[in-house]
Amino acid sequence: MKRIEIVAAARGWIGTPYRHQASLRGVGCDCLGLVRGVWREVLGTEAETPPAYTPDWAEANKRETLAEAAGRHVAAIAIGEAEAGDLVLFRWRRDMPAKHVAILSGGGRMIHAQQGAAVAEVPLSDWWRRRAAFAFRFPGLEA
């Protein structure tokens, strides 16, 4: 699998409306649903089906649930090593668990699904960089 395949698959989701817990390209997804959908497109069957979760799940349990789940299936890397095709997890606040994930698309940009908006490719601005908490790499990823 190549980085370009991950980025191309993620770009195929651009315009998909935000829908909590969904993962259907063109129909609806949240940030995790976007990653799940890209996984299915480039790797096949999902490694793990997430349990039902509420919009405030991170605030409620105060555990790094998203990072723990990612660590079961993708390789943790230093945030500074993340490249196109890699995943970055973000915290909304410094004292809270990471609860948002995006796929880097290269050139200082990322693809993500954010509540209230459709999947979009946006700049990885300083605002996002300050909130980056973890980075992960898909298994078997090549240049």
N, C-alpha and C. Protein backbone atom coordinates (compact mmCIF):
# COMPACT_ATOMS: atom_id res chain seq x y z
N MET A 1 0.85 -1.17 0.00
CA MET A 1 0.00 0.00 0.00
C MET A 1 0.89 1.23 0.00
N LYS A 2 0.48 2.22 -0.75
CA LYS A 2 1.26 3.44 -0.87
C LYS A 2 0.50 4.63 -0.28
N ARG A 3 1.25 5.64 0.15
CA ARG A 3 0.66 6.85 0.72
C ARG A 3 -0.34 7.48 -0.25
N ILE A 4 0.03 7.48 -1.51
CA ILE A 4 -0.83 8.10 -2.52
C ILE A 4 -2.20 7.42 -2.58
N GLU A 5 -2.25 6.12 -2.30
CA GLU A 5 -3.53 5.39 -2.30
C GLU A 5 -4.40 5.84 -1.13
N ILE A 6 -3.79 6.03 0.03
CA ILE A 6 -4.55 6.47 1.20
C ILE A 6 -5.10 7.87 0.96
N VAL A 7 -4.25 8.76 0.48
CA VAL A 7 -4.68 10.14 0.23
C VAL A 7 -5.78 10.17 -0.83
N ALA A 8 -5.62 9.41 -1.90
CA ALA A 8 -6.63 9.37 -2.95
C ALA A 8 -7.96 8.84 -2.41
N ALA A 9 -7.90 7.80 -1.60
CA ALA A 9 -9.13 7.26 -1.00
C ALA A 9 -9.78 8.31 -0.10
N ALA A 10 -8.99 8.98 0.72
CA ALA A 10 -9.54 10.02 1.61
C ALA A 10 -10.16 11.16 0.81
N ARG A 11 -9.50 11.56 -0.27
CA ARG A 11 -10.05 12.64 -1.10
C ARG A 11 -11.38 12.23 -1.73
N GLY A 12 -11.58 10.94 -1.94
CA GLY A 12 -12.85 10.46 -2.46
C GLY A 12 -14.02 10.70 -1.51
N TRP A 13 -13.72 10.96 -0.26
CA TRP A 13 -14.75 11.22 0.75
C TRP A 13 -15.09 12.71 0.88
N ILE A 14 -14.30 13.58 0.24
CA ILE A 14 -14.55 15.02 0.35
C ILE A 14 -15.97 15.32 -0.10
N GLY A 15 -16.64 16.10 0.71
CA GLY A 15 -18.04 16.45 0.45
C GLY A 15 -19.04 15.57 1.17
N THR A 16 -18.59 14.45 1.73
CA THR A 16 -19.49 13.58 2.50
C THR A 16 -19.95 14.35 3.74
N PRO A 17 -21.26 14.42 3.97
CA PRO A 17 -21.76 15.17 5.13
C PRO A 17 -21.33 14.53 6.46
N TYR A 18 -21.23 15.37 7.48
CA TYR A 18 -20.92 14.87 8.81
C TYR A 18 -22.14 14.16 9.37
N ARG A 19 -21.93 12.93 9.83
CA ARG A 19 -22.97 12.16 10.52
C ARG A 19 -22.28 11.37 11.62
N HIS A 20 -22.68 11.63 12.84
CA HIS A 20 -22.08 10.95 14.00
C HIS A 20 -22.17 9.44 13.85
N GLN A 21 -21.08 8.75 14.03
CA GLN A 21 -20.92 7.30 14.00
C GLN A 21 -21.09 6.66 12.62
N ALA A 22 -21.35 7.44 11.59
CA ALA A 22 -21.54 6.87 10.25
C ALA A 22 -20.20 6.68 9.54
N SER A 23 -20.21 5.83 8.52
CA SER A 23 -19.00 5.57 7.73
C SER A 23 -19.38 5.12 6.32
N LEU A 24 -20.15 5.96 5.63
CA LEU A 24 -20.59 5.65 4.26
C LEU A 24 -20.23 6.82 3.35
N ARG A 25 -19.30 6.59 2.45
CA ARG A 25 -18.84 7.65 1.54
C ARG A 25 -20.03 8.22 0.77
N GLY A 26 -20.11 9.54 0.73
CA GLY A 26 -21.18 10.23 0.03
C GLY A 26 -22.47 10.33 0.82
N VAL A 27 -22.61 9.54 1.88
CA VAL A 27 -23.83 9.53 2.68
C VAL A 27 -23.61 10.23 4.01
N GLY A 28 -22.54 9.85 4.73
CA GLY A 28 -22.25 10.49 6.01
C GLY A 28 -21.15 9.78 6.76
N CYS A 29 -20.39 10.56 7.52
CA CYS A 29 -19.34 10.00 8.39
C CYS A 29 -18.93 11.04 9.42
N ASP A 30 -18.33 10.54 10.49
CA ASP A 30 -17.64 11.42 11.42
C ASP A 30 -16.14 11.20 11.19
N CYS A 31 -15.29 11.77 12.02
CA CYS A 31 -13.85 11.65 11.75
C CYS A 31 -13.38 10.20 11.81
N LEU A 32 -13.87 9.43 12.77
CA LEU A 32 -13.50 8.03 12.85
C LEU A 32 -14.09 7.25 11.68
N GLY A 33 -15.30 7.59 11.28
CA GLY A 33 -15.93 6.93 10.14
C GLY A 33 -15.16 7.16 8.86
N LEU A 34 -14.57 8.33 8.70
CA LEU A 34 -13.71 8.60 7.54
C LEU A 34 -12.53 7.66 7.53
N VAL A 35 -11.84 7.53 8.65
CA VAL A 35 -10.68 6.63 8.73
C VAL A 35 -11.11 5.19 8.50
N ARG A 36 -12.22 4.79 9.08
CA ARG A 36 -12.72 3.42 8.88
C ARG A 36 -13.01 3.16 7.41
N GLY A 37 -13.62 4.14 6.74
CA GLY A 37 -13.95 3.98 5.33
C GLY A 37 -12.71 3.89 4.46
N VAL A 38 -11.71 4.72 4.75
CA VAL A 38 -10.46 4.67 4.00
C VAL A 38 -9.78 3.33 4.25
N TRP A 39 -9.78 2.86 5.49
CA TRP A 39 -9.22 1.55 5.81
C TRP A 39 -9.86 0.47 4.95
N ARG A 40 -11.19 0.47 4.88
CA ARG A 40 -11.90 -0.55 4.07
C ARG A 40 -11.49 -0.46 2.60
N GLU A 41 -11.34 0.74 2.09
CA GLU A 41 -11.01 0.92 0.68
C GLU A 41 -9.59 0.46 0.35
N VAL A 42 -8.65 0.69 1.26
CA VAL A 42 -7.26 0.36 0.94
C VAL A 42 -6.77 -0.94 1.57
N LEU A 43 -7.38 -1.38 2.67
CA LEU A 43 -6.92 -2.59 3.35
C LEU A 43 -7.94 -3.72 3.38
N GLY A 44 -9.19 -3.42 3.16
CA GLY A 44 -10.22 -4.45 3.22
C GLY A 44 -11.00 -4.38 4.52
N THR A 45 -11.34 -5.51 5.07
CA THR A 45 -12.16 -5.59 6.27
C THR A 45 -11.58 -4.77 7.41
N GLU A 46 -12.45 -4.07 8.11
CA GLU A 46 -12.01 -3.27 9.25
C GLU A 46 -11.40 -4.18 10.31
N ALA A 47 -10.37 -3.67 10.96
CA ALA A 47 -9.69 -4.44 12.00
C ALA A 47 -10.53 -4.56 13.26
N GLU A 48 -11.37 -3.59 13.51
CA GLU A 48 -12.17 -3.57 14.74
C GLU A 48 -13.39 -2.70 14.50
N THR A 49 -14.54 -3.15 14.92
CA THR A 49 -15.74 -2.33 14.84
C THR A 49 -15.88 -1.57 16.15
N PRO A 50 -15.95 -0.25 16.08
CA PRO A 50 -16.03 0.51 17.34
C PRO A 50 -17.38 0.30 18.01
N PRO A 51 -17.38 0.37 19.32
CA PRO A 51 -18.67 0.31 20.03
C PRO A 51 -19.42 1.62 19.81
N ALA A 52 -20.70 1.62 20.13
CA ALA A 52 -21.47 2.85 20.07
C ALA A 52 -20.80 3.90 20.97
N TYR A 53 -20.80 5.14 20.53
CA TYR A 53 -20.20 6.21 21.34
C TYR A 53 -21.03 7.47 21.18
N THR A 54 -21.08 8.22 22.25
CA THR A 54 -21.82 9.47 22.26
C THR A 54 -20.89 10.61 21.83
N PRO A 55 -21.42 11.75 21.43
CA PRO A 55 -20.56 12.86 21.05
C PRO A 55 -19.62 13.32 22.17
N ASP A 56 -20.00 13.09 23.42
CA ASP A 56 -19.16 13.54 24.54
C ASP A 56 -18.35 12.40 25.17
N TRP A 57 -18.11 11.31 24.44
CA TRP A 57 -17.44 10.14 25.01
C TRP A 57 -16.10 10.47 25.65
N ALA A 58 -15.31 11.31 25.06
CA ALA A 58 -13.97 11.60 25.62
C ALA A 58 -14.09 12.37 26.93
N GLU A 59 -15.03 13.29 26.98
CA GLU A 59 -15.23 14.05 28.20
C GLU A 59 -15.75 13.15 29.31
N ALA A 60 -16.57 12.18 28.93
CA ALA A 60 -17.20 11.31 29.92
C ALA A 60 -16.22 10.33 30.55
N ASN A 61 -15.32 9.72 29.76
CA ASN A 61 -14.47 8.68 30.34
C ASN A 61 -13.04 9.12 30.64
N LYS A 62 -12.61 10.25 30.12
CA LYS A 62 -11.27 10.81 30.38
C LYS A 62 -10.13 9.83 30.13
N ARG A 63 -10.35 8.87 29.23
CA ARG A 63 -9.29 7.93 28.81
C ARG A 63 -8.93 8.20 27.37
N GLU A 64 -7.74 7.80 26.99
CA GLU A 64 -7.29 7.97 25.61
C GLU A 64 -7.83 6.82 24.76
N THR A 65 -9.14 6.68 24.74
CA THR A 65 -9.80 5.58 24.05
C THR A 65 -9.45 5.52 22.57
N LEU A 66 -9.46 6.66 21.89
CA LEU A 66 -9.17 6.70 20.46
C LEU A 66 -7.71 6.31 20.20
N ALA A 67 -6.79 6.84 20.98
CA ALA A 67 -5.37 6.50 20.81
C ALA A 67 -5.12 5.04 21.14
N GLU A 68 -5.79 4.53 22.16
CA GLU A 68 -5.63 3.11 22.53
C GLU A 68 -6.11 2.21 21.38
N ALA A 69 -7.25 2.54 20.81
CA ALA A 69 -7.78 1.74 19.70
C ALA A 69 -6.84 1.83 18.49
N ALA A 70 -6.35 3.01 18.18
CA ALA A 70 -5.43 3.17 17.06
C ALA A 70 -4.19 2.32 17.28
N GLY A 71 -3.67 2.34 18.50
CA GLY A 71 -2.46 1.60 18.82
C GLY A 71 -2.60 0.09 18.65
N ARG A 72 -3.82 -0.40 18.63
CA ARG A 72 -4.04 -1.84 18.41
C ARG A 72 -3.90 -2.22 16.94
N HIS A 73 -3.96 -1.22 16.02
CA HIS A 73 -4.04 -1.56 14.60
C HIS A 73 -3.09 -0.80 13.69
N VAL A 74 -2.58 0.32 14.14
CA VAL A 74 -1.64 1.11 13.35
C VAL A 74 -0.44 1.46 14.21
N ALA A 75 0.69 1.73 13.58
CA ALA A 75 1.94 1.96 14.31
C ALA A 75 2.03 3.40 14.80
N ALA A 76 2.31 3.55 16.09
CA ALA A 76 2.53 4.89 16.64
C ALA A 76 3.84 5.45 16.10
N ILE A 77 3.82 6.72 15.75
CA ILE A 77 5.02 7.41 15.29
C ILE A 77 5.07 8.77 15.97
N ALA A 78 6.21 9.42 15.93
CA ALA A 78 6.32 10.78 16.46
C ALA A 78 5.53 11.73 15.57
N ILE A 79 4.89 12.69 16.17
CA ILE A 79 4.09 13.64 15.39
C ILE A 79 4.95 14.31 14.32
N GLY A 80 6.18 14.63 14.64
CA GLY A 80 7.07 15.28 13.70
C GLY A 80 7.46 14.41 12.51
N GLU A 81 7.24 13.10 12.61
CA GLU A 81 7.54 12.18 11.51
C GLU A 81 6.35 11.93 10.59
N ALA A 82 5.18 12.42 10.97
CA ALA A 82 3.96 12.15 10.21
C ALA A 82 4.04 12.78 8.82
N GLU A 83 3.61 11.99 7.83
CA GLU A 83 3.63 12.40 6.42
C GLU A 83 2.27 12.13 5.80
N ALA A 84 2.15 12.44 4.52
CA ALA A 84 0.91 12.18 3.80
C ALA A 84 0.51 10.71 3.98
N GLY A 85 -0.76 10.49 4.26
CA GLY A 85 -1.27 9.15 4.48
C GLY A 85 -1.25 8.71 5.92
N ASP A 86 -0.59 9.46 6.79
CA ASP A 86 -0.56 9.12 8.21
C ASP A 86 -1.74 9.77 8.94
N LEU A 87 -2.06 9.23 10.10
CA LEU A 87 -3.16 9.72 10.92
C LEU A 87 -2.61 10.61 12.03
N VAL A 88 -3.33 11.68 12.33
CA VAL A 88 -2.98 12.53 13.47
C VAL A 88 -4.23 12.67 14.32
N LEU A 89 -4.07 12.47 15.63
CA LEU A 89 -5.15 12.62 16.59
C LEU A 89 -4.97 13.95 17.31
N PHE A 90 -6.09 14.62 17.55
CA PHE A 90 -6.08 15.95 18.15
C PHE A 90 -6.90 16.00 19.42
N ARG A 91 -6.45 16.88 20.34
CA ARG A 91 -7.21 17.19 21.56
C ARG A 91 -7.88 18.54 21.35
N TRP A 92 -9.12 18.67 21.79
CA TRP A 92 -9.77 19.98 21.71
C TRP A 92 -9.22 20.89 22.80
N ARG A 93 -8.91 20.27 23.96
CA ARG A 93 -8.33 21.03 25.07
C ARG A 93 -7.16 20.24 25.65
N ARG A 94 -6.19 20.94 26.19
CA ARG A 94 -4.97 20.32 26.70
C ARG A 94 -5.24 19.25 27.76
N ASP A 95 -6.24 19.43 28.58
CA ASP A 95 -6.51 18.51 29.69
C ASP A 95 -7.49 17.39 29.34
N MET A 96 -7.83 17.27 28.05
CA MET A 96 -8.80 16.26 27.64
C MET A 96 -8.16 15.23 26.71
N PRO A 97 -8.74 14.03 26.64
CA PRO A 97 -8.22 13.02 25.71
C PRO A 97 -8.38 13.46 24.25
N ALA A 98 -7.56 12.91 23.40
CA ALA A 98 -7.69 13.17 21.96
C ALA A 98 -9.00 12.54 21.49
N LYS A 99 -9.76 13.30 20.69
CA LYS A 99 -11.04 12.76 20.20
C LYS A 99 -11.33 13.12 18.76
N HIS A 100 -10.33 13.61 18.04
CA HIS A 100 -10.52 13.94 16.63
C HIS A 100 -9.35 13.35 15.85
N VAL A 101 -9.63 12.84 14.66
CA VAL A 101 -8.59 12.24 13.83
C VAL A 101 -8.69 12.77 12.41
N ALA A 102 -7.52 12.96 11.79
CA ALA A 102 -7.46 13.41 10.41
C ALA A 102 -6.39 12.61 9.68
N ILE A 103 -6.49 12.59 8.37
CA ILE A 103 -5.49 11.94 7.52
C ILE A 103 -4.69 13.04 6.84
N LEU A 104 -3.38 13.03 7.04
CA LEU A 104 -2.54 14.03 6.38
C LEU A 104 -2.54 13.77 4.88
N SER A 105 -2.61 14.86 4.11
CA SER A 105 -2.66 14.72 2.66
C SER A 105 -1.43 15.29 1.97
N GLY A 106 -0.51 15.84 2.73
CA GLY A 106 0.73 16.38 2.17
C GLY A 106 0.63 17.88 1.96
N GLY A 107 1.78 18.51 1.84
CA GLY A 107 1.80 19.95 1.61
C GLY A 107 1.19 20.76 2.73
N GLY A 108 1.29 20.25 3.98
CA GLY A 108 0.74 20.98 5.11
C GLY A 108 -0.77 20.99 5.14
N ARG A 109 -1.39 19.90 4.65
CA ARG A 109 -2.85 19.81 4.61
C ARG A 109 -3.32 18.49 5.23
N MET A 110 -4.60 18.45 5.56
CA MET A 110 -5.20 17.25 6.12
C MET A 110 -6.63 17.13 5.62
N ILE A 111 -7.14 15.89 5.69
CA ILE A 111 -8.52 15.60 5.31
C ILE A 111 -9.21 15.10 6.57
N HIS A 112 -10.36 15.70 6.87
CA HIS A 112 -11.06 15.31 8.09
C HIS A 112 -12.55 15.60 7.99
N ALA A 113 -13.29 14.99 8.91
CA ALA A 113 -14.73 15.24 9.05
C ALA A 113 -14.93 15.92 10.39
N GLN A 114 -15.50 17.09 10.35
CA GLN A 114 -15.72 17.84 11.59
C GLN A 114 -17.20 18.15 11.72
N GLN A 115 -17.70 18.05 12.93
CA GLN A 115 -19.12 18.27 13.18
C GLN A 115 -19.56 19.60 12.58
N GLY A 116 -20.68 19.58 11.89
CA GLY A 116 -21.23 20.78 11.29
C GLY A 116 -20.72 21.08 9.89
N ALA A 117 -19.82 20.22 9.37
CA ALA A 117 -19.27 20.46 8.04
C ALA A 117 -19.08 19.14 7.32
N ALA A 118 -18.97 19.19 6.03
CA ALA A 118 -18.69 17.99 5.22
C ALA A 118 -17.20 17.69 5.29
N VAL A 119 -16.83 16.47 4.92
CA VAL A 119 -15.42 16.10 4.84
C VAL A 119 -14.72 17.11 3.94
N ALA A 120 -13.57 17.59 4.40
CA ALA A 120 -12.86 18.63 3.65
C ALA A 120 -11.36 18.43 3.78
N GLU A 121 -10.64 18.97 2.82
CA GLU A 121 -9.18 19.03 2.88
C GLU A 121 -8.84 20.47 3.26
N VAL A 122 -8.15 20.60 4.37
CA VAL A 122 -7.89 21.93 4.94
C VAL A 122 -6.42 22.07 5.31
N PRO A 123 -5.95 23.30 5.48
CA PRO A 123 -4.57 23.48 5.94
C PRO A 123 -4.39 22.93 7.36
N LEU A 124 -3.24 22.35 7.60
CA LEU A 124 -2.86 21.93 8.95
C LEU A 124 -2.27 23.18 9.61
N SER A 125 -3.16 24.06 10.01
CA SER A 125 -2.78 25.37 10.53
C SER A 125 -2.13 25.25 11.92
N ASP A 126 -1.61 26.36 12.39
CA ASP A 126 -1.02 26.39 13.73
C ASP A 126 -2.04 25.97 14.79
N TRP A 127 -3.31 26.35 14.58
CA TRP A 127 -4.36 25.98 15.53
C TRP A 127 -4.42 24.46 15.66
N TRP A 128 -4.40 23.75 14.53
CA TRP A 128 -4.44 22.29 14.55
C TRP A 128 -3.12 21.73 15.09
N ARG A 129 -2.02 22.26 14.67
CA ARG A 129 -0.71 21.76 15.12
C ARG A 129 -0.58 21.81 16.64
N ARG A 130 -1.09 22.86 17.25
CA ARG A 130 -1.02 22.98 18.72
C ARG A 130 -1.85 21.90 19.41
N ARG A 131 -2.82 21.37 18.75
CA ARG A 131 -3.72 20.37 19.34
C ARG A 131 -3.35 18.93 18.99
N ALA A 132 -2.34 18.75 18.13
CA ALA A 132 -1.91 17.40 17.74
C ALA A 132 -1.37 16.67 18.97
N ALA A 133 -1.88 15.46 19.19
CA ALA A 133 -1.50 14.69 20.38
C ALA A 133 -0.80 13.38 20.05
N PHE A 134 -1.18 12.73 18.96
CA PHE A 134 -0.64 11.44 18.58
C PHE A 134 -0.57 11.36 17.05
N ALA A 135 0.32 10.52 16.55
CA ALA A 135 0.37 10.22 15.12
C ALA A 135 0.54 8.72 14.94
N PHE A 136 -0.03 8.21 13.87
CA PHE A 136 -0.01 6.79 13.59
C PHE A 136 0.18 6.56 12.09
N ARG A 137 0.71 5.41 11.75
CA ARG A 137 0.96 5.03 10.36
C ARG A 137 0.21 3.73 10.06
N PHE A 138 -0.47 3.71 8.90
CA PHE A 138 -1.15 2.49 8.46
C PHE A 138 -0.15 1.35 8.33
N PRO A 139 -0.58 0.11 8.56
CA PRO A 139 0.33 -1.03 8.41
C PRO A 139 0.73 -1.23 6.95
N GLY A 140 1.99 -1.60 6.75
CA GLY A 140 2.50 -1.90 5.41
C GLY A 140 2.63 -0.70 4.50
N LEU A 141 2.68 0.48 5.06
CA LEU A 141 2.74 1.70 4.26
C LEU A 141 4.09 1.90 3.63
N GLU A 142 4.09 2.18 2.33
CA GLU A 142 5.31 2.46 1.57
C GLU A 142 5.28 3.91 1.11
N ALA A 143 6.37 4.36 0.53
CA ALA A 143 6.46 5.74 0.06
C ALA A 143 5.40 6.07 -0.97
